[in-house]
Amino acid sequence: MHNSINNRNFESEFSFTASRSSGPGGQNVNKVNTKVELRFDIARSTLLSNQEKHKIITRLKTRITNNDELIITAQDERSQLKNKEKAIDKFYQLLSMALQNPKKRKPTKPSKSSVEKRLNQKKQHAQKKMLRKKL
């Protein structure tokens, strides 16, 4: 998964914080900081071009703070290390998704049979309405 973004390693630009996770886990949840929050400052990144930064900021705007910081949390696992790995994987998936160029839409025409079918349905509907009218 890490190779999808031109073999760049962003891990030097990550900052992690750990906190107590919500959800199941028994006493483990109450005692251990297993929830991991990955923060990545897009504006200060040296590994991204300005064009890439702009793409990421526009395509992931719902996940980015006002300070152009991407925040990803992971709390599914019971160990901090596994959650950290999950957060990193999520980061690379999000980045590769944001940097992908969307496919061009190819304009298509409706088939002759579908046009004919639609017109026939319209005629039937109009006829039904006509029959309901009072003379």
C-alpha atoms as a PDB file:
ATOM      1  CA  MET A   1       0.000   0.000   0.000  1.00  0.00           C
ATOM      2  CA  HIS A   2       2.866   2.411   0.779  1.00  0.00           C
ATOM      3  CA  ASN A   3       4.287   2.106  -2.758  1.00  0.00           C
ATOM      4  CA  SER A   4       1.233   3.643  -4.443  1.00  0.00           C
ATOM      5  CA  ILE A   5       2.472   7.212  -3.890  1.00  0.00           C
ATOM      6  CA  ASN A   6       5.745   7.195  -5.856  1.00  0.00           C
ATOM      7  CA  ASN A   7       7.619   5.223  -3.158  1.00  0.00           C
ATOM      8  CA  ARG A   8       7.587   8.217  -0.837  1.00  0.00           C
ATOM      9  CA  ASN A   9       7.843   7.681   2.900  1.00  0.00           C
ATOM     10  CA  PHE A  10       5.758  10.241   4.787  1.00  0.00           C
ATOM     11  CA  GLU A  11       6.353   8.733   8.226  1.00  0.00           C
ATOM     12  CA  SER A  12       8.903  11.404   9.178  1.00  0.00           C
ATOM     13  CA  GLU A  13       6.126  14.013   8.717  1.00  0.00           C
ATOM     14  CA  PHE A  14       3.555  12.227  10.910  1.00  0.00           C
ATOM     15  CA  SER A  15       2.813  13.161  14.483  1.00  0.00           C
ATOM     16  CA  PHE A  16       1.019  10.640  16.668  1.00  0.00           C
ATOM     17  CA  THR A  17      -1.000  11.002  19.845  1.00  0.00           C
ATOM     18  CA  ALA A  18      -2.462   8.157  21.863  1.00  0.00           C
ATOM     19  CA  SER A  19      -5.513   8.303  24.089  1.00  0.00           C
ATOM     20  CA  ARG A  20      -7.992   5.982  25.739  1.00  0.00           C
ATOM     21  CA  SER A  21     -10.144   4.192  23.241  1.00  0.00           C
ATOM     22  CA  SER A  22     -13.927   3.912  23.407  1.00  0.00           C
ATOM     23  CA  GLY A  23     -15.864   0.709  22.891  1.00  0.00           C
ATOM     24  CA  PRO A  24     -15.271  -2.884  24.011  1.00  0.00           C
ATOM     25  CA  GLY A  25     -12.085  -4.139  25.622  1.00  0.00           C
ATOM     26  CA  GLY A  26     -12.963  -4.516  29.292  1.00  0.00           C
ATOM     27  CA  GLN A  27     -10.472  -3.157  31.805  1.00  0.00           C
ATOM     28  CA  ASN A  28      -7.941  -2.754  28.985  1.00  0.00           C
ATOM     29  CA  VAL A  29      -9.926   0.237  27.666  1.00  0.00           C
ATOM     30  CA  ASN A  30      -9.898   1.942  31.037  1.00  0.00           C
ATOM     31  CA  LYS A  31      -6.163   1.580  31.603  1.00  0.00           C
ATOM     32  CA  VAL A  32      -4.330   1.610  28.273  1.00  0.00           C
ATOM     33  CA  ASN A  33      -4.019   4.399  25.675  1.00  0.00           C
ATOM     34  CA  THR A  34      -4.747   2.349  22.557  1.00  0.00           C
ATOM     35  CA  LYS A  35      -6.537   4.890  20.358  1.00  0.00           C
ATOM     36  CA  VAL A  36      -4.047   6.410  17.916  1.00  0.00           C
ATOM     37  CA  GLU A  37      -4.479   9.757  16.192  1.00  0.00           C
ATOM     38  CA  LEU A  38      -2.262  10.454  13.182  1.00  0.00           C
ATOM     39  CA  ARG A  39      -1.766  14.102  12.252  1.00  0.00           C
ATOM     40  CA  PHE A  40      -0.241  15.164   8.943  1.00  0.00           C
ATOM     41  CA  ASP A  41       0.372  18.823   8.128  1.00  0.00           C
ATOM     42  CA  ILE A  42      -0.304  19.052   4.402  1.00  0.00           C
ATOM     43  CA  ALA A  43       0.879  22.644   4.011  1.00  0.00           C
ATOM     44  CA  ARG A  44       4.288  21.943   5.576  1.00  0.00           C
ATOM     45  CA  SER A  45       4.917  18.648   3.777  1.00  0.00           C
ATOM     46  CA  THR A  46       8.171  18.613   1.821  1.00  0.00           C
ATOM     47  CA  LEU A  47       7.314  15.396  -0.044  1.00  0.00           C
ATOM     48  CA  LEU A  48       4.258  16.797  -1.833  1.00  0.00           C
ATOM     49  CA  SER A  49       4.207  19.257  -4.728  1.00  0.00           C
ATOM     50  CA  ASN A  50       1.949  22.313  -4.520  1.00  0.00           C
ATOM     51  CA  GLN A  51      -0.360  20.760  -7.093  1.00  0.00           C
ATOM     52  CA  GLU A  52      -0.649  17.557  -5.027  1.00  0.00           C
ATOM     53  CA  LYS A  53      -1.286  19.571  -1.866  1.00  0.00           C
ATOM     54  CA  HIS A  54      -4.077  21.469  -3.587  1.00  0.00           C
ATOM     55  CA  LYS A  55      -5.628  18.219  -4.879  1.00  0.00           C
ATOM     56  CA  ILE A  56      -5.536  16.645  -1.418  1.00  0.00           C
ATOM     57  CA  ILE A  57      -6.982  19.718   0.299  1.00  0.00           C
ATOM     58  CA  THR A  58      -9.877  19.997  -2.166  1.00  0.00           C
ATOM     59  CA  ARG A  59     -10.701  16.277  -2.330  1.00  0.00           C
ATOM     60  CA  LEU A  60     -10.378  15.538   1.402  1.00  0.00           C
ATOM     61  CA  LYS A  61     -11.765  18.844   2.695  1.00  0.00           C
ATOM     62  CA  THR A  62     -14.188  17.097   5.074  1.00  0.00           C
ATOM     63  CA  ARG A  63     -11.288  15.393   6.868  1.00  0.00           C
ATOM     64  CA  ILE A  64      -8.953  18.397   7.047  1.00  0.00           C
ATOM     65  CA  THR A  65      -8.835  21.036   9.784  1.00  0.00           C
ATOM     66  CA  ASN A  66      -8.662  24.799   9.190  1.00  0.00           C
ATOM     67  CA  ASN A  67      -4.868  24.588   9.600  1.00  0.00           C
ATOM     68  CA  ASP A  68      -4.575  22.189   6.613  1.00  0.00           C
ATOM     69  CA  GLU A  69      -3.951  19.250   8.918  1.00  0.00           C
ATOM     70  CA  LEU A  70      -5.231  15.782   8.015  1.00  0.00           C
ATOM     71  CA  ILE A  71      -6.305  13.817  11.089  1.00  0.00           C
ATOM     72  CA  ILE A  72      -6.833  10.058  11.004  1.00  0.00           C
ATOM     73  CA  THR A  73      -7.847   7.993  14.030  1.00  0.00           C
ATOM     74  CA  ALA A  74      -7.724   4.256  14.594  1.00  0.00           C
ATOM     75  CA  GLN A  75      -9.127   2.526  17.648  1.00  0.00           C
ATOM     76  CA  ASP A  76     -10.393  -0.862  16.453  1.00  0.00           C
ATOM     77  CA  GLU A  77      -7.509  -2.945  17.759  1.00  0.00           C
ATOM     78  CA  ARG A  78      -6.568  -3.609  21.368  1.00  0.00           C
ATOM     79  CA  SER A  79      -2.918  -2.678  20.921  1.00  0.00           C
ATOM     80  CA  GLN A  80      -1.517   0.760  20.216  1.00  0.00           C
ATOM     81  CA  LEU A  81       0.970  -0.616  17.689  1.00  0.00           C
ATOM     82  CA  LYS A  82      -1.735  -2.286  15.572  1.00  0.00           C
ATOM     83  CA  ASN A  83      -3.833   0.887  15.676  1.00  0.00           C
ATOM     84  CA  LYS A  84      -0.799   2.902  14.599  1.00  0.00           C
ATOM     85  CA  GLU A  85      -0.271   0.555  11.635  1.00  0.00           C
ATOM     86  CA  LYS A  86      -3.965   0.823  10.732  1.00  0.00           C
ATOM     87  CA  ALA A  87      -3.829   4.628  10.853  1.00  0.00           C
ATOM     88  CA  ILE A  88      -0.765   4.657   8.569  1.00  0.00           C
ATOM     89  CA  ASP A  89      -2.491   2.290   6.108  1.00  0.00           C
ATOM     90  CA  LYS A  90      -5.603   4.505   6.153  1.00  0.00           C
ATOM     91  CA  PHE A  91      -3.409   7.536   5.442  1.00  0.00           C
ATOM     92  CA  TYR A  92      -1.783   5.963   2.389  1.00  0.00           C
ATOM     93  CA  GLN A  93      -5.159   4.740   1.079  1.00  0.00           C
ATOM     94  CA  LEU A  94      -6.682   8.204   1.460  1.00  0.00           C
ATOM     95  CA  LEU A  95      -3.730   9.892  -0.193  1.00  0.00           C
ATOM     96  CA  SER A  96      -3.647   7.540  -3.181  1.00  0.00           C
ATOM     97  CA  MET A  97      -7.434   7.937  -3.575  1.00  0.00           C
ATOM     98  CA  ALA A  98      -7.178  11.748  -3.446  1.00  0.00           C
ATOM     99  CA  LEU A  99      -4.322  11.894  -5.954  1.00  0.00           C
ATOM    100  CA  GLN A 100      -5.963   9.603  -8.525  1.00  0.00           C
ATOM    101  CA  ASN A 101      -7.243  11.341 -11.624  1.00  0.00           C
ATOM    102  CA  PRO A 102     -10.973  10.797 -12.115  1.00  0.00           C
ATOM    103  CA  LYS A 103     -12.037   8.876 -15.200  1.00  0.00           C
ATOM    104  CA  LYS A 104     -13.388  10.963 -18.059  1.00  0.00           C
ATOM    105  CA  ARG A 105     -17.110  10.561 -18.648  1.00  0.00           C
ATOM    106  CA  LYS A 106     -17.962   9.211 -22.079  1.00  0.00           C
ATOM    107  CA  PRO A 107     -21.229  10.689 -23.313  1.00  0.00           C
ATOM    108  CA  THR A 108     -23.678   7.996 -24.401  1.00  0.00           C
ATOM    109  CA  LYS A 109     -26.939   7.980 -26.345  1.00  0.00           C
ATOM    110  CA  PRO A 110     -29.993   6.064 -25.193  1.00  0.00           C
ATOM    111  CA  SER A 111     -30.648   3.018 -27.397  1.00  0.00           C
ATOM    112  CA  LYS A 112     -33.423   3.123 -29.983  1.00  0.00           C
ATOM    113  CA  SER A 113     -35.397   0.485 -28.100  1.00  0.00           C
ATOM    114  CA  SER A 114     -35.214   2.405 -24.806  1.00  0.00           C
ATOM    115  CA  VAL A 115     -36.406   5.617 -26.510  1.00  0.00           C
ATOM    116  CA  GLU A 116     -39.253   3.698 -28.167  1.00  0.00           C
ATOM    117  CA  LYS A 117     -40.208   2.068 -24.874  1.00  0.00           C
ATOM    118  CA  ARG A 118     -40.285   5.438 -23.083  1.00  0.00           C
ATOM    119  CA  LEU A 119     -42.477   7.002 -25.775  1.00  0.00           C
ATOM    120  CA  ASN A 120     -44.876   4.056 -25.692  1.00  0.00           C
ATOM    121  CA  GLN A 121     -45.191   4.355 -21.923  1.00  0.00           C
ATOM    122  CA  LYS A 122     -45.900   8.081 -22.287  1.00  0.00           C
ATOM    123  CA  LYS A 123     -48.629   7.364 -24.843  1.00  0.00           C
ATOM    124  CA  GLN A 124     -50.231   4.753 -22.605  1.00  0.00           C
ATOM    125  CA  HIS A 125     -50.137   7.100 -19.646  1.00  0.00           C
ATOM    126  CA  ALA A 126     -51.687   9.934 -21.698  1.00  0.00           C
ATOM    127  CA  GLN A 127     -54.402   7.582 -22.985  1.00  0.00           C
ATOM    128  CA  LYS A 128     -55.212   6.492 -19.440  1.00  0.00           C
ATOM    129  CA  LYS A 129     -55.617  10.136 -18.425  1.00  0.00           C
ATOM    130  CA  MET A 130     -57.793  10.857 -21.485  1.00  0.00           C
ATOM    131  CA  LEU A 131     -60.147   8.004 -20.571  1.00  0.00           C
ATOM    132  CA  ARG A 132     -60.643   9.522 -17.114  1.00  0.00           C
ATOM    133  CA  LYS A 133     -61.786  12.870 -18.511  1.00  0.00           C
ATOM    134  CA  LYS A 134     -65.488  13.683 -18.451  1.00  0.00           C
ATOM    135  CA  LEU A 135     -67.181  14.098 -21.777  1.00  0.00           C
END
